[in-house]
Every structure is written in structure tokens, then in C-alpha cells.
């Protein structure tokens, strides 16, 4: 594996060809179009998808906007974060742990409801 930084050159509407370092976790820029603005360049890592019975519920992935003109950590940031479609926000590590804890608690409450429903249905599962 090469230790040299990876670079990529992307055409942009407002700055022409832009060459930038690409993080090792970035999966590339398959959706980038030459009429995109430089500020819209987004590094994105592989997604983690939540599906249930074949239905897409949510996904999350590492992201970074290296040329963002508005540094709003919950939406777009120069600093890498994890974009979570379920809440429409990008989270730092503490926020991601907090969301995971909330989801764990929610899963526990769903299990409690399943137990209650099982009792209501006469023990059927």
C-alpha cells in the first residue's frame, strides 16, 4: 500500500480544475459534475445502511467538505464527520456515540413493546 497522499482533480464551474488531497477513506466522487461549484466538493466514505425487510431506513458515512464556505458542523464542515440520513445531520464522535445510545434505548423500548404485544396476543410471537 502506498504511503503517498492520493490526489484527485475535479472540474468545477467556478474554479476550473481543482486538485486536492483525497483522504484514504474517500470512495471517490462518482456524482461530481463539472458544473458543480468547488464549495460543493464532498469527500464521502463507504456507507453503513440500515434496512428492514428490504426497505431502506437510513444510512451513514464519513464526510468532509474541504472547500465549504459555511462551516456548520451539523451540516457541512472542513472537519470530517459522519453524515446520518436518519436525522439529516453530520455528527462528531461524541454526537455519534450519543445517537447510538439513543438508538440502543429505542431498540430496548421496541423489545418491551414486542413483549407486551406478545402477552396481549396470548403469548403468540
Protein backbone atom coordinates (compact mmCIF):
# COMPACT_ATOMS: atom_id res chain seq x y z
CA UNK A 1 0.00 0.00 0.00
CA UNK A 2 1.36 3.40 -0.96
CA UNK A 3 2.07 5.93 1.77
CA UNK A 4 1.92 8.78 -0.74
CA UNK A 5 -1.11 11.03 -0.40
CA UNK A 6 -3.77 10.40 -3.01
CA UNK A 7 -4.87 13.35 -5.09
CA UNK A 8 -7.78 13.87 -7.41
CA UNK A 9 -8.53 16.58 -9.95
CA UNK A 10 -12.15 17.64 -10.34
CA UNK A 11 -13.54 20.17 -12.81
CA UNK A 12 -15.63 22.91 -11.20
CA UNK A 13 -17.83 25.68 -12.54
CA UNK A 14 -16.17 28.49 -10.58
CA UNK A 15 -12.50 27.42 -10.16
CA UNK A 16 -11.84 25.22 -13.19
CA UNK A 17 -9.84 22.09 -12.47
CA UNK A 18 -9.22 21.70 -8.74
CA UNK A 19 -6.59 19.25 -7.50
CA UNK A 20 -6.90 18.23 -3.88
CA UNK A 21 -5.70 15.58 -1.47
CA UNK A 22 -8.13 12.73 -1.08
CA UNK A 23 -8.46 11.00 2.29
CA UNK A 24 -7.76 7.26 2.30
CA UNK A 25 -11.37 6.62 3.41
CA UNK A 26 -12.92 8.52 0.46
CA UNK A 27 -14.62 6.25 -2.09
CA UNK A 28 -14.18 8.77 -4.90
CA UNK A 29 -16.53 11.28 -6.45
CA UNK A 30 -18.89 9.37 -8.76
CA UNK A 31 -21.64 12.00 -8.51
CA UNK A 32 -19.41 15.03 -9.12
CA UNK A 33 -20.31 17.02 -12.24
CA UNK A 34 -18.15 19.66 -13.96
CA UNK A 35 -20.85 22.28 -13.35
CA UNK A 36 -20.62 21.76 -9.56
CA UNK A 37 -19.05 24.54 -7.51
CA UNK A 38 -15.77 23.99 -5.66
CA UNK A 39 -17.57 24.55 -2.34
CA UNK A 40 -19.80 21.56 -3.16
CA UNK A 41 -16.93 19.05 -3.36
CA UNK A 42 -17.62 16.33 -0.82
CA UNK A 43 -15.35 13.52 0.34
CA UNK A 44 -17.51 10.56 1.32
CA UNK A 45 -16.66 7.18 2.78
CA UNK A 46 -18.46 3.87 2.34
CA UNK A 47 -21.98 3.88 3.71
CA UNK A 48 -23.45 1.92 6.59
CA UNK A 49 -27.07 1.14 5.71
CA UNK A 50 -29.98 0.24 7.96
CA UNK A 51 -32.60 -1.84 6.15
CA UNK A 52 -35.64 -3.68 7.43
CA UNK A 53 -37.43 -6.28 5.32
CA UNK A 54 -35.85 -4.87 2.20
CA UNK A 55 -36.79 -1.25 2.98
CA UNK A 56 -34.09 1.38 3.28
CA UNK A 57 -34.43 3.14 6.64
CA UNK A 58 -31.23 5.17 6.95
CA UNK A 59 -27.57 5.35 6.07
CA UNK A 60 -24.46 6.98 7.45
CA UNK A 61 -20.97 7.67 6.12
CA UNK A 62 -17.84 9.65 6.83
CA UNK A 63 -17.93 13.02 5.04
CA UNK A 64 -15.82 16.14 4.67
CA UNK A 65 -16.39 19.32 2.69
CA UNK A 66 -12.85 20.61 2.11
CA UNK A 67 -13.91 23.88 0.47
CA UNK A 68 -17.13 24.67 2.30
CA UNK A 69 -17.88 28.35 2.56
CA UNK A 70 -20.15 27.85 5.57
CA UNK A 71 -18.57 25.78 8.34
CA UNK A 72 -21.65 24.46 10.14
CA UNK A 73 -20.57 21.22 11.85
CA UNK A 74 -24.10 19.74 11.80
CA UNK A 75 -24.40 20.25 8.03
CA UNK A 76 -21.11 20.94 6.28
CA UNK A 77 -17.64 21.15 7.72
CA UNK A 78 -13.96 21.36 6.91
CA UNK A 79 -13.54 18.73 9.65
CA UNK A 80 -14.56 15.14 8.89
CA UNK A 81 -17.79 13.97 10.47
CA UNK A 82 -20.40 11.26 9.98
CA UNK A 83 -23.46 12.20 7.97
CA UNK A 84 -26.56 10.39 9.26
CA UNK A 85 -29.58 10.47 6.95
CA UNK A 86 -31.96 9.45 9.76
CA UNK A 87 -31.53 12.86 11.41
CA UNK A 88 -30.22 14.89 8.47
CA UNK A 89 -27.13 15.96 10.37
CA UNK A 90 -23.38 15.38 10.44
CA UNK A 91 -22.06 14.33 13.83
CA UNK A 92 -18.72 14.40 15.59
CA UNK A 93 -17.61 11.36 17.64
CA UNK A 94 -19.45 12.46 20.81
CA UNK A 95 -22.65 13.14 18.87
CA UNK A 96 -22.40 9.79 17.08
CA UNK A 97 -21.98 7.93 20.40
CA UNK A 98 -24.96 9.85 21.79
CA UNK A 99 -27.11 8.91 18.78
CA UNK A 100 -26.05 5.25 19.09
CA UNK A 101 -27.03 5.28 22.79
CA UNK A 102 -30.42 6.76 21.90
CA UNK A 103 -30.93 4.10 19.24
CA UNK A 104 -29.96 1.38 21.75
CA UNK A 105 -32.56 2.75 24.17
CA UNK A 106 -35.15 2.88 21.39
CA UNK A 107 -34.40 -0.74 20.46
CA UNK A 108 -34.90 -1.73 24.12
CA UNK A 109 -38.29 0.04 24.18
CA UNK A 110 -39.28 -1.74 20.95
CA UNK A 111 -38.40 -5.08 22.56
CA UNK A 112 -40.50 -4.14 25.61
CA UNK A 113 -43.43 -3.35 23.30
CA UNK A 114 -42.94 -6.68 21.49
CA UNK A 115 -43.10 -8.46 24.87
CA UNK A 116 -46.26 -6.53 25.78
CA UNK A 117 -47.86 -7.32 22.42
CA UNK A 118 -46.94 -10.98 22.79
CA UNK A 119 -48.77 -11.08 26.13
CA UNK A 120 -51.79 -9.29 24.63
CA UNK A 121 -51.90 -11.85 21.85
CA UNK A 122 -51.86 -14.72 24.32
CA UNK A 123 -48.17 -15.50 24.11
CA UNK A 124 -48.04 -15.67 20.30
CA UNK A 125 -44.87 -14.38 18.69
